[in-house]
């Protein structure tokens, strides 16, 4: 299943990310090398899953790195991704046909890379 992520609170304009079978690509295409790879509840940089993850997802919270202590860097609520541990304010990304791991990939791309 392929899903797209848009910057901000709407789906107008071109997608900033496309996620296909756990591989995350920049833009609206799956051409080229993935910038992130999703494996289980972890997100790794590039097209491999060796080394430390860039982020770990627990429930709807996205934590930086391999640890889940401290405050989350992002929170996923339905099709919206919010910065930090709250869903107040405007979302930083909107997901189309995705789930929490697609939202987590969007958070990693927008906040950590």
PDB file of N, CA and C in Angstrom:
ATOM      1  N   UNK A   1       0.835  -1.174   0.000  1.00  0.00           N
ATOM      2  CA  UNK A   1       0.000   0.000   0.000  1.00  0.00           C
ATOM      3  C   UNK A   1       0.888   1.249   0.000  1.00  0.00           C
ATOM      4  N   UNK A   2       0.594   2.160  -0.874  1.00  0.00           N
ATOM      5  CA  UNK A   2       1.325   3.411  -0.968  1.00  0.00           C
ATOM      6  C   UNK A   2       0.504   4.511  -0.311  1.00  0.00           C
ATOM      7  N   UNK A   3       1.167   5.347   0.479  1.00  0.00           N
ATOM      8  CA  UNK A   3       0.490   6.479   1.090  1.00  0.00           C
ATOM      9  C   UNK A   3       1.321   7.731   0.882  1.00  0.00           C
ATOM     10  N   UNK A   4       0.671   8.864   0.942  1.00  0.00           N
ATOM     11  CA  UNK A   4       1.337  10.139   0.725  1.00  0.00           C
ATOM     12  C   UNK A   4       1.186  11.026   1.951  1.00  0.00           C
ATOM     13  N   UNK A   5       2.173  11.875   2.153  1.00  0.00           N
ATOM     14  CA  UNK A   5       2.185  12.810   3.267  1.00  0.00           C
ATOM     15  C   UNK A   5       2.336  14.217   2.717  1.00  0.00           C
ATOM     16  N   UNK A   6       1.495  15.117   3.207  1.00  0.00           N
ATOM     17  CA  UNK A   6       1.533  16.516   2.800  1.00  0.00           C
ATOM     18  C   UNK A   6       1.973  17.371   3.981  1.00  0.00           C
ATOM     19  N   UNK A   7       2.703  18.419   3.690  1.00  0.00           N
ATOM     20  CA  UNK A   7       3.125  19.344   4.742  1.00  0.00           C
ATOM     21  C   UNK A   7       1.913  20.157   5.203  1.00  0.00           C
ATOM     22  N   UNK A   8       1.779  20.336   6.523  1.00  0.00           N
ATOM     23  CA  UNK A   8       0.724  21.179   7.069  1.00  0.00           C
ATOM     24  C   UNK A   8      -0.596  20.468   7.256  1.00  0.00           C
ATOM     25  N   UNK A   9      -1.660  21.277   7.313  1.00  0.00           N
ATOM     26  CA  UNK A   9      -2.976  20.776   7.702  1.00  0.00           C
ATOM     27  C   UNK A   9      -3.899  20.455   6.539  1.00  0.00           C
ATOM     28  N   UNK A  10      -3.372  20.366   5.319  1.00  0.00           N
ATOM     29  CA  UNK A  10      -4.243  20.054   4.192  1.00  0.00           C
ATOM     30  C   UNK A  10      -3.526  19.155   3.197  1.00  0.00           C
ATOM     31  N   UNK A  11      -4.276  18.692   2.214  1.00  0.00           N
ATOM     32  CA  UNK A  11      -3.701  17.841   1.173  1.00  0.00           C
ATOM     33  C   UNK A  11      -3.600  18.585  -0.157  1.00  0.00           C
ATOM     34  N   UNK A  12      -3.572  19.901  -0.113  1.00  0.00           N
ATOM     35  CA  UNK A  12      -3.382  20.686  -1.323  1.00  0.00           C
ATOM     36  C   UNK A  12      -1.892  20.734  -1.656  1.00  0.00           C
ATOM     37  N   UNK A  13      -1.576  20.776  -2.902  1.00  0.00           N
ATOM     38  CA  UNK A  13      -0.180  20.829  -3.306  1.00  0.00           C
ATOM     39  C   UNK A  13       0.419  19.443  -3.457  1.00  0.00           C
ATOM     40  N   UNK A  14       1.687  19.401  -3.794  1.00  0.00           N
ATOM     41  CA  UNK A  14       2.381  18.138  -3.992  1.00  0.00           C
ATOM     42  C   UNK A  14       2.741  17.506  -2.652  1.00  0.00           C
ATOM     43  N   UNK A  15       2.726  16.160  -2.595  1.00  0.00           N
ATOM     44  CA  UNK A  15       3.125  15.503  -1.351  1.00  0.00           C
ATOM     45  C   UNK A  15       4.618  15.688  -1.088  1.00  0.00           C
ATOM     46  N   UNK A  16       4.968  15.759   0.196  1.00  0.00           N
ATOM     47  CA  UNK A  16       6.382  15.887   0.550  1.00  0.00           C
ATOM     48  C   UNK A  16       7.028  14.514   0.685  1.00  0.00           C
ATOM     49  N   UNK A  17       6.223  13.477   0.971  1.00  0.00           N
ATOM     50  CA  UNK A  17       6.730  12.115   1.112  1.00  0.00           C
ATOM     51  C   UNK A  17       5.769  11.110   0.500  1.00  0.00           C
ATOM     52  N   UNK A  18       6.337  10.000   0.013  1.00  0.00           N
ATOM     53  CA  UNK A  18       5.549   8.848  -0.404  1.00  0.00           C
ATOM     54  C   UNK A  18       6.109   7.636   0.325  1.00  0.00           C
ATOM     55  N   UNK A  19       5.230   6.855   0.947  1.00  0.00           N
ATOM     56  CA  UNK A  19       5.651   5.671   1.685  1.00  0.00           C
ATOM     57  C   UNK A  19       5.097   4.446   0.976  1.00  0.00           C
ATOM     58  N   UNK A  20       5.997   3.501   0.655  1.00  0.00           N
ATOM     59  CA  UNK A  20       5.613   2.295  -0.072  1.00  0.00           C
ATOM     60  C   UNK A  20       6.305   1.099   0.569  1.00  0.00           C
ATOM     61  N   UNK A  21       5.548   0.198   1.161  1.00  0.00           N
ATOM     62  CA  UNK A  21       6.076  -1.027   1.776  1.00  0.00           C
ATOM     63  C   UNK A  21       7.217  -0.762   2.754  1.00  0.00           C
ATOM     64  N   UNK A  22       7.051   0.257   3.581  1.00  0.00           N
ATOM     65  CA  UNK A  22       8.043   0.556   4.603  1.00  0.00           C
ATOM     66  C   UNK A  22       9.215   1.391   4.138  1.00  0.00           C
ATOM     67  N   UNK A  23       9.247   1.754   2.876  1.00  0.00           N
ATOM     68  CA  UNK A  23      10.308   2.623   2.372  1.00  0.00           C
ATOM     69  C   UNK A  23       9.732   4.009   2.119  1.00  0.00           C
ATOM     70  N   UNK A  24      10.474   5.033   2.551  1.00  0.00           N
ATOM     71  CA  UNK A  24       9.991   6.413   2.508  1.00  0.00           C
ATOM     72  C   UNK A  24      10.807   7.201   1.489  1.00  0.00           C
ATOM     73  N   UNK A  25      10.105   7.803   0.526  1.00  0.00           N
ATOM     74  CA  UNK A  25      10.731   8.560  -0.549  1.00  0.00           C
ATOM     75  C   UNK A  25      10.308  10.026  -0.472  1.00  0.00           C
ATOM     76  N   UNK A  26      11.177  10.908  -0.927  1.00  0.00           N
ATOM     77  CA  UNK A  26      10.847  12.331  -0.978  1.00  0.00           C
ATOM     78  C   UNK A  26       9.990  12.583  -2.207  1.00  0.00           C
ATOM     79  N   UNK A  27       8.939  13.378  -2.043  1.00  0.00           N
ATOM     80  CA  UNK A  27       8.080  13.764  -3.159  1.00  0.00           C
ATOM     81  C   UNK A  27       6.972  12.775  -3.430  1.00  0.00           C
ATOM     82  N   UNK A  28       6.479  12.806  -4.663  1.00  0.00           N
ATOM     83  CA  UNK A  28       5.304  12.007  -5.026  1.00  0.00           C
ATOM     84  C   UNK A  28       5.658  10.769  -5.839  1.00  0.00           C
ATOM     85  N   UNK A  29       6.892  10.310  -5.752  1.00  0.00           N
ATOM     86  CA  UNK A  29       7.344   9.184  -6.545  1.00  0.00           C
ATOM     87  C   UNK A  29       8.107   8.200  -5.667  1.00  0.00           C
ATOM     88  N   UNK A  30       8.209   6.959  -6.133  1.00  0.00           N
ATOM     89  CA  UNK A  30       9.027   5.962  -5.439  1.00  0.00           C
ATOM     90  C   UNK A  30      10.297   5.659  -6.234  1.00  0.00           C
ATOM     91  N   UNK A  31      10.706   6.589  -7.069  1.00  0.00           N
ATOM     92  CA  UNK A  31      11.950   6.429  -7.817  1.00  0.00           C
ATOM     93  C   UNK A  31      13.126   6.840  -6.939  1.00  0.00           C
ATOM     94  N   UNK A  32      14.267   6.246  -7.183  1.00  0.00           N
ATOM     95  CA  UNK A  32      15.453   6.581  -6.407  1.00  0.00           C
ATOM     96  C   UNK A  32      15.531   5.786  -5.123  1.00  0.00           C
ATOM     97  N   UNK A  33      16.444   6.186  -4.269  1.00  0.00           N
ATOM     98  CA  UNK A  33      16.661   5.484  -3.009  1.00  0.00           C
ATOM     99  C   UNK A  33      15.780   6.066  -1.907  1.00  0.00           C
ATOM    100  N   UNK A  34      15.273   5.210  -1.017  1.00  0.00           N
ATOM    101  CA  UNK A  34      14.479   5.730   0.101  1.00  0.00           C
ATOM    102  C   UNK A  34      15.351   6.519   1.075  1.00  0.00           C
ATOM    103  N   UNK A  35      14.752   7.547   1.690  1.00  0.00           N
ATOM    104  CA  UNK A  35      15.479   8.337   2.682  1.00  0.00           C
ATOM    105  C   UNK A  35      15.325   7.739   4.078  1.00  0.00           C
ATOM    106  N   UNK A  36      14.254   6.969   4.268  1.00  0.00           N
ATOM    107  CA  UNK A  36      13.985   6.319   5.550  1.00  0.00           C
ATOM    108  C   UNK A  36      13.430   4.926   5.290  1.00  0.00           C
ATOM    109  N   UNK A  37      13.612   4.026   6.265  1.00  0.00           N
ATOM    110  CA  UNK A  37      13.023   2.697   6.187  1.00  0.00           C
ATOM    111  C   UNK A  37      12.322   2.409   7.510  1.00  0.00           C
ATOM    112  N   UNK A  38      11.085   1.929   7.415  1.00  0.00           N
ATOM    113  CA  UNK A  38      10.282   1.588   8.591  1.00  0.00           C
ATOM    114  C   UNK A  38      10.382   0.085   8.824  1.00  0.00           C
ATOM    115  N   UNK A  39      10.731  -0.289  10.052  1.00  0.00           N
ATOM    116  CA  UNK A  39      10.773  -1.703  10.419  1.00  0.00           C
ATOM    117  C   UNK A  39      10.162  -1.849  11.802  1.00  0.00           C
ATOM    118  N   UNK A  40       9.023  -2.506  11.874  1.00  0.00           N
ATOM    119  CA  UNK A  40       8.322  -2.645  13.145  1.00  0.00           C
ATOM    120  C   UNK A  40       7.919  -1.284  13.672  1.00  0.00           C
ATOM    121  N   UNK A  41       8.358  -0.949  14.865  1.00  0.00           N
ATOM    122  CA  UNK A  41       8.016   0.346  15.457  1.00  0.00           C
ATOM    123  C   UNK A  41       9.193   1.320  15.401  1.00  0.00           C
ATOM    124  N   UNK A  42      10.181   1.014  14.553  1.00  0.00           N
ATOM    125  CA  UNK A  42      11.368   1.858  14.453  1.00  0.00           C
ATOM    126  C   UNK A  42      11.552   2.386  13.039  1.00  0.00           C
ATOM    127  N   UNK A  43      12.175   3.559  12.952  1.00  0.00           N
ATOM    128  CA  UNK A  43      12.442   4.197  11.661  1.00  0.00           C
ATOM    129  C   UNK A  43      13.934   4.445  11.557  1.00  0.00           C
ATOM    130  N   UNK A  44      14.513   3.965  10.458  1.00  0.00           N
ATOM    131  CA  UNK A  44      15.949   4.078  10.222  1.00  0.00           C
ATOM    132  C   UNK A  44      16.218   5.016   9.047  1.00  0.00           C
ATOM    133  N   UNK A  45      17.380   5.644   9.072  1.00  0.00           N
ATOM    134  CA  UNK A  45      17.764   6.521   7.970  1.00  0.00           C
ATOM    135  C   UNK A  45      18.283   5.675   6.816  1.00  0.00           C
ATOM    136  N   UNK A  46      17.904   6.045   5.599  1.00  0.00           N
ATOM    137  CA  UNK A  46      18.363   5.339   4.404  1.00  0.00           C
ATOM    138  C   UNK A  46      17.564   4.095   4.114  1.00  0.00           C
ATOM    139  N   UNK A  47      18.183   3.194   3.357  1.00  0.00           N
ATOM    140  CA  UNK A  47      17.480   1.997   2.889  1.00  0.00           C
ATOM    141  C   UNK A  47      17.888   0.745   3.656  1.00  0.00           C
ATOM    142  N   UNK A  48      18.384   0.907   4.863  1.00  0.00           N
ATOM    143  CA  UNK A  48      18.808  -0.233   5.659  1.00  0.00           C
ATOM    144  C   UNK A  48      18.261  -0.099   7.075  1.00  0.00           C
ATOM    145  N   UNK A  49      18.343  -1.196   7.819  1.00  0.00           N
ATOM    146  CA  UNK A  49      17.844  -1.175   9.195  1.00  0.00           C
ATOM    147  C   UNK A  49      18.944  -1.593  10.171  1.00  0.00           C
ATOM    148  N   UNK A  50      20.179  -1.272   9.838  1.00  0.00           N
ATOM    149  CA  UNK A  50      21.299  -1.534  10.738  1.00  0.00           C
ATOM    150  C   UNK A  50      21.598  -0.284  11.545  1.00  0.00           C
ATOM    151  N   UNK A  51      22.173  -0.468  12.706  1.00  0.00           N
ATOM    152  CA  UNK A  51      22.517   0.674  13.541  1.00  0.00           C
ATOM    153  C   UNK A  51      21.351   1.141  14.371  1.00  0.00           C
ATOM    154  N   UNK A  52      21.458   2.345  14.888  1.00  0.00           N
ATOM    155  CA  UNK A  52      20.423   2.902  15.760  1.00  0.00           C
ATOM    156  C   UNK A  52      19.316   3.550  14.947  1.00  0.00           C
ATOM    157  N   UNK A  53      18.060   3.376  15.376  1.00  0.00           N
ATOM    158  CA  UNK A  53      16.962   4.024  14.660  1.00  0.00           C
ATOM    159  C   UNK A  53      16.950   5.531  14.879  1.00  0.00           C
ATOM    160  N   UNK A  54      16.431   6.256  13.899  1.00  0.00           N
ATOM    161  CA  UNK A  54      16.233   7.700  14.025  1.00  0.00           C
ATOM    162  C   UNK A  54      15.081   7.982  14.984  1.00  0.00           C
ATOM    163  N   UNK A  55      14.086   7.079  15.025  1.00  0.00           N
ATOM    164  CA  UNK A  55      12.920   7.287  15.886  1.00  0.00           C
ATOM    165  C   UNK A  55      12.274   5.958  16.239  1.00  0.00           C
ATOM    166  N   UNK A  56      11.570   5.962  17.380  1.00  0.00           N
ATOM    167  CA  UNK A  56      10.820   4.803  17.848  1.00  0.00           C
ATOM    168  C   UNK A  56       9.397   5.258  18.155  1.00  0.00           C
ATOM    169  N   UNK A  57       8.428   4.439  17.765  1.00  0.00           N
ATOM    170  CA  UNK A  57       7.016   4.784  17.957  1.00  0.00           C
ATOM    171  C   UNK A  57       6.412   3.895  19.038  1.00  0.00           C
ATOM    172  N   UNK A  58       5.754   4.528  20.005  1.00  0.00           N
ATOM    173  CA  UNK A  58       5.019   3.814  21.040  1.00  0.00           C
ATOM    174  C   UNK A  58       3.616   4.410  21.059  1.00  0.00           C
ATOM    175  N   UNK A  59       2.631   3.582  20.724  1.00  0.00           N
ATOM    176  CA  UNK A  59       1.267   4.108  20.617  1.00  0.00           C
ATOM    177  C   UNK A  59       1.210   5.172  19.551  1.00  0.00           C
ATOM    178  N   UNK A  60       0.774   6.350  19.911  1.00  0.00           N
ATOM    179  CA  UNK A  60       0.687   7.465  18.963  1.00  0.00           C
ATOM    180  C   UNK A  60       1.824   8.464  19.135  1.00  0.00           C
ATOM    181  N   UNK A  61       2.813   8.114  19.943  1.00  0.00           N
ATOM    182  CA  UNK A  61       3.920   9.023  20.227  1.00  0.00           C
ATOM    183  C   UNK A  61       5.180   8.608  19.482  1.00  0.00           C
ATOM    184  N   UNK A  62       5.897   9.596  18.962  1.00  0.00           N
ATOM    185  CA  UNK A  62       7.141   9.374  18.236  1.00  0.00           C
ATOM    186  C   UNK A  62       8.288   9.928  19.075  1.00  0.00           C
ATOM    187  N   UNK A  63       9.239   9.062  19.416  1.00  0.00           N
ATOM    188  CA  UNK A  63      10.386   9.459  20.223  1.00  0.00           C
ATOM    189  C   UNK A  63      11.642   9.452  19.359  1.00  0.00           C
ATOM    190  N   UNK A  64      12.528  10.399  19.610  1.00  0.00           N
ATOM    191  CA  UNK A  64      13.774  10.451  18.860  1.00  0.00           C
ATOM    192  C   UNK A  64      14.708   9.339  19.317  1.00  0.00           C
ATOM    193  N   UNK A  65      15.325   8.649  18.372  1.00  0.00           N
ATOM    194  CA  UNK A  65      16.292   7.600  18.675  1.00  0.00           C
ATOM    195  C   UNK A  65      15.653   6.297  19.095  1.00  0.00           C
ATOM    196  N   UNK A  66      16.445   5.484  19.788  1.00  0.00           N
ATOM    197  CA  UNK A  66      16.009   4.138  20.173  1.00  0.00           C
ATOM    198  C   UNK A  66      15.341   4.091  21.538  1.00  0.00           C
ATOM    199  N   UNK A  67      15.253   5.222  22.211  1.00  0.00           N
ATOM    200  CA  UNK A  67      14.712   5.251  23.564  1.00  0.00           C
ATOM    201  C   UNK A  67      13.334   5.880  23.579  1.00  0.00           C
ATOM    202  N   UNK A  68      12.527   5.491  24.534  1.00  0.00           N
ATOM    203  CA  UNK A  68      11.180   6.052  24.643  1.00  0.00           C
ATOM    204  C   UNK A  68      11.000   6.796  25.958  1.00  0.00           C
ATOM    205  N   UNK A  69      12.101   7.243  26.538  1.00  0.00           N
ATOM    206  CA  UNK A  69      11.994   8.072  27.734  1.00  0.00           C
ATOM    207  C   UNK A  69      11.999   9.534  27.309  1.00  0.00           C
ATOM    208  N   UNK A  70      11.476  10.372  28.151  1.00  0.00           N
ATOM    209  CA  UNK A  70      11.404  11.784  27.810  1.00  0.00           C
ATOM    210  C   UNK A  70      10.146  12.111  27.022  1.00  0.00           C
ATOM    211  N   UNK A  71      10.085  13.313  26.532  1.00  0.00           N
ATOM    212  CA  UNK A  71       8.904  13.772  25.793  1.00  0.00           C
ATOM    213  C   UNK A  71       8.982  13.359  24.333  1.00  0.00           C
ATOM    214  N   UNK A  72       7.840  12.999  23.747  1.00  0.00           N
ATOM    215  CA  UNK A  72       7.855  12.666  22.325  1.00  0.00           C
ATOM    216  C   UNK A  72       8.121  13.889  21.453  1.00  0.00           C
ATOM    217  N   UNK A  73       8.755  13.659  20.314  1.00  0.00           N
ATOM    218  CA  UNK A  73       8.999  14.750  19.365  1.00  0.00           C
ATOM    219  C   UNK A  73       7.764  15.025  18.521  1.00  0.00           C
ATOM    220  N   UNK A  74       6.856  14.035  18.445  1.00  0.00           N
ATOM    221  CA  UNK A  74       5.632  14.213  17.654  1.00  0.00           C
ATOM    222  C   UNK A  74       4.537  13.293  18.174  1.00  0.00           C
ATOM    223  N   UNK A  75       3.293  13.679  17.874  1.00  0.00           N
ATOM    224  CA  UNK A  75       2.119  12.892  18.236  1.00  0.00           C
ATOM    225  C   UNK A  75       1.255  12.728  16.984  1.00  0.00           C
ATOM    226  N   UNK A  76       0.763  11.513  16.770  1.00  0.00           N
ATOM    227  CA  UNK A  76      -0.068  11.216  15.602  1.00  0.00           C
ATOM    228  C   UNK A  76      -1.506  11.068  16.064  1.00  0.00           C
ATOM    229  N   UNK A  77      -2.402  11.792  15.420  1.00  0.00           N
ATOM    230  CA  UNK A  77      -3.820  11.750  15.764  1.00  0.00           C
ATOM    231  C   UNK A  77      -4.609  11.565  14.476  1.00  0.00           C
ATOM    232  N   UNK A  78      -5.006  10.321  14.204  1.00  0.00           N
ATOM    233  CA  UNK A  78      -5.706  10.044  12.954  1.00  0.00           C
ATOM    234  C   UNK A  78      -4.792  10.281  11.769  1.00  0.00           C
ATOM    235  N   UNK A  79      -5.186  11.206  10.889  1.00  0.00           N
ATOM    236  CA  UNK A  79      -4.390  11.523   9.707  1.00  0.00           C
ATOM    237  C   UNK A  79      -3.512  12.745   9.897  1.00  0.00           C
ATOM    238  N   UNK A  80      -3.396  13.218  11.125  1.00  0.00           N
ATOM    239  CA  UNK A  80      -2.606  14.422  11.379  1.00  0.00           C
ATOM    240  C   UNK A  80      -1.405  14.121  12.268  1.00  0.00           C
ATOM    241  N   UNK A  81      -0.313  14.844  12.003  1.00  0.00           N
ATOM    242  CA  UNK A  81       0.912  14.714  12.788  1.00  0.00           C
ATOM    243  C   UNK A  81       1.193  16.062  13.435  1.00  0.00           C
ATOM    244  N   UNK A  82       1.357  16.066  14.746  1.00  0.00           N
ATOM    245  CA  UNK A  82       1.605  17.287  15.506  1.00  0.00           C
ATOM    246  C   UNK A  82       3.000  17.239  16.119  1.00  0.00           C
ATOM    247  N   UNK A  83       3.631  18.381  16.218  1.00  0.00           N
ATOM    248  CA  UNK A  83       4.929  18.462  16.865  1.00  0.00           C
ATOM    249  C   UNK A  83       4.747  18.391  18.372  1.00  0.00           C
ATOM    250  N   UNK A  84       5.612  17.634  19.056  1.00  0.00           N
ATOM    251  CA  UNK A  84       5.569  17.539  20.501  1.00  0.00           C
ATOM    252  C   UNK A  84       4.584  16.506  21.020  1.00  0.00           C
ATOM    253  N   UNK A  85       4.194  16.645  22.278  1.00  0.00           N
ATOM    254  CA  UNK A  85       3.360  15.643  22.948  1.00  0.00           C
ATOM    255  C   UNK A  85       1.882  16.005  22.994  1.00  0.00           C
ATOM    256  N   UNK A  86       1.479  17.006  22.227  1.00  0.00           N
ATOM    257  CA  UNK A  86       0.100  17.482  22.260  1.00  0.00           C
ATOM    258  C   UNK A  86      -0.492  17.538  20.856  1.00  0.00           C
ATOM    259  N   UNK A  87      -1.800  17.499  20.790  1.00  0.00           N
ATOM    260  CA  UNK A  87      -2.476  17.659  19.504  1.00  0.00           C
ATOM    261  C   UNK A  87      -3.115  19.040  19.385  1.00  0.00           C
ATOM    262  N   UNK A  88      -2.658  19.973  20.197  1.00  0.00           N
ATOM    263  CA  UNK A  88      -3.134  21.352  20.092  1.00  0.00           C
ATOM    264  C   UNK A  88      -2.382  22.061  18.966  1.00  0.00           C
ATOM    265  N   UNK A  89      -3.013  23.024  18.373  1.00  0.00           N
ATOM    266  CA  UNK A  89      -2.365  23.772  17.305  1.00  0.00           C
ATOM    267  C   UNK A  89      -2.549  23.113  15.957  1.00  0.00           C
ATOM    268  N   UNK A  90      -1.858  23.614  14.963  1.00  0.00           N
ATOM    269  CA  UNK A  90      -1.968  23.107  13.596  1.00  0.00           C
ATOM    270  C   UNK A  90      -1.038  21.917  13.391  1.00  0.00           C
ATOM    271  N   UNK A  91      -1.505  20.921  12.624  1.00  0.00           N
ATOM    272  CA  UNK A  91      -0.626  19.789  12.344  1.00  0.00           C
ATOM    273  C   UNK A  91       0.537  20.193  11.442  1.00  0.00           C
ATOM    274  N   UNK A  92       1.663  19.493  11.622  1.00  0.00           N
ATOM    275  CA  UNK A  92       2.821  19.749  10.765  1.00  0.00           C
ATOM    276  C   UNK A  92       2.735  18.928   9.483  1.00  0.00           C
ATOM    277  N   UNK A  93       1.887  17.880   9.488  1.00  0.00           N
ATOM    278  CA  UNK A  93       1.730  17.046   8.294  1.00  0.00           C
ATOM    279  C   UNK A  93       0.362  16.387   8.295  1.00  0.00           C
ATOM    280  N   UNK A  94      -0.111  16.060   7.082  1.00  0.00           N
ATOM    281  CA  UNK A  94      -1.375  15.360   6.896  1.00  0.00           C
ATOM    282  C   UNK A  94      -1.098  14.110   6.061  1.00  0.00           C
ATOM    283  N   UNK A  95      -1.647  12.977   6.501  1.00  0.00           N
ATOM    284  CA  UNK A  95      -1.402  11.688   5.865  1.00  0.00           C
ATOM    285  C   UNK A  95      -2.609  11.288   5.029  1.00  0.00           C
ATOM    286  N   UNK A  96      -2.354  10.727   3.846  1.00  0.00           N
ATOM    287  CA  UNK A  96      -3.419  10.181   3.015  1.00  0.00           C
ATOM    288  C   UNK A  96      -3.213   8.674   2.929  1.00  0.00           C
ATOM    289  N   UNK A  97      -4.214   7.892   3.295  1.00  0.00           N
ATOM    290  CA  UNK A  97      -4.157   6.430   3.215  1.00  0.00           C
ATOM    291  C   UNK A  97      -2.954   5.849   3.947  1.00  0.00           C
ATOM    292  N   UNK A  98      -2.656   6.376   5.091  1.00  0.00           N
ATOM    293  CA  UNK A  98      -1.518   5.860   5.849  1.00  0.00           C
ATOM    294  C   UNK A  98      -1.933   5.538   7.264  1.00  0.00           C
ATOM    295  N   UNK A  99      -0.970   5.271   8.077  1.00  0.00           N
ATOM    296  CA  UNK A  99      -1.217   4.978   9.475  1.00  0.00           C
ATOM    297  C   UNK A  99      -0.193   5.665  10.337  1.00  0.00           C
ATOM    298  N   UNK A 100      -0.063   5.179  11.558  1.00  0.00           N
ATOM    299  CA  UNK A 100       0.817   5.856  12.507  1.00  0.00           C
ATOM    300  C   UNK A 100       2.273   5.808  12.090  1.00  0.00           C
ATOM    301  N   UNK A 101       2.736   4.729  11.427  1.00  0.00           N
ATOM    302  CA  UNK A 101       4.135   4.669  11.016  1.00  0.00           C
ATOM    303  C   UNK A 101       4.420   5.627   9.864  1.00  0.00           C
ATOM    304  N   UNK A 102       3.448   5.835   9.008  1.00  0.00           N
ATOM    305  CA  UNK A 102       3.604   6.851   7.962  1.00  0.00           C
ATOM    306  C   UNK A 102       3.691   8.223   8.606  1.00  0.00           C
ATOM    307  N   UNK A 103       2.851   8.465   9.611  1.00  0.00           N
ATOM    308  CA  UNK A 103       2.917   9.727  10.344  1.00  0.00           C
ATOM    309  C   UNK A 103       4.235   9.904  11.064  1.00  0.00           C
ATOM    310  N   UNK A 104       4.749   8.806  11.615  1.00  0.00           N
ATOM    311  CA  UNK A 104       6.042   8.871  12.293  1.00  0.00           C
ATOM    312  C   UNK A 104       7.156   9.204  11.310  1.00  0.00           C
ATOM    313  N   UNK A 105       7.095   8.630  10.114  1.00  0.00           N
ATOM    314  CA  UNK A 105       8.089   8.943   9.080  1.00  0.00           C
ATOM    315  C   UNK A 105       8.030  10.416   8.714  1.00  0.00           C
ATOM    316  N   UNK A 106       6.814  10.953   8.641  1.00  0.00           N
ATOM    317  CA  UNK A 106       6.662  12.380   8.354  1.00  0.00           C
ATOM    318  C   UNK A 106       7.295  13.220   9.453  1.00  0.00           C
ATOM    319  N   UNK A 107       7.083  12.821  10.699  1.00  0.00           N
ATOM    320  CA  UNK A 107       7.669  13.544  11.824  1.00  0.00           C
ATOM    321  C   UNK A 107       9.188  13.506  11.767  1.00  0.00           C
ATOM    322  N   UNK A 108       9.751  12.353  11.476  1.00  0.00           N
ATOM    323  CA  UNK A 108      11.206  12.227  11.373  1.00  0.00           C
ATOM    324  C   UNK A 108      11.734  13.129  10.268  1.00  0.00           C
ATOM    325  N   UNK A 109      11.082  13.097   9.141  1.00  0.00           N
ATOM    326  CA  UNK A 109      11.521  13.913   8.001  1.00  0.00           C
ATOM    327  C   UNK A 109      11.454  15.407   8.334  1.00  0.00           C
ATOM    328  N   UNK A 110      10.353  15.835   8.906  1.00  0.00           N
ATOM    329  CA  UNK A 110      10.143  17.259   9.162  1.00  0.00           C
ATOM    330  C   UNK A 110      10.898  17.775  10.385  1.00  0.00           C
ATOM    331  N   UNK A 111      11.083  16.964  11.397  1.00  0.00           N
ATOM    332  CA  UNK A 111      11.647  17.440  12.648  1.00  0.00           C
ATOM    333  C   UNK A 111      13.093  17.033  12.913  1.00  0.00           C
ATOM    334  N   UNK A 112      13.492  15.884  12.412  1.00  0.00           N
ATOM    335  CA  UNK A 112      14.799  15.369  12.802  1.00  0.00           C
ATOM    336  C   UNK A 112      15.839  15.367  11.697  1.00  0.00           C
ATOM    337  N   UNK A 113      15.435  15.460  10.462  1.00  0.00           N
ATOM    338  CA  UNK A 113      16.424  15.369   9.384  1.00  0.00           C
ATOM    339  C   UNK A 113      16.898  16.734   8.954  1.00  0.00           C
TER     340      UNK A 113
END
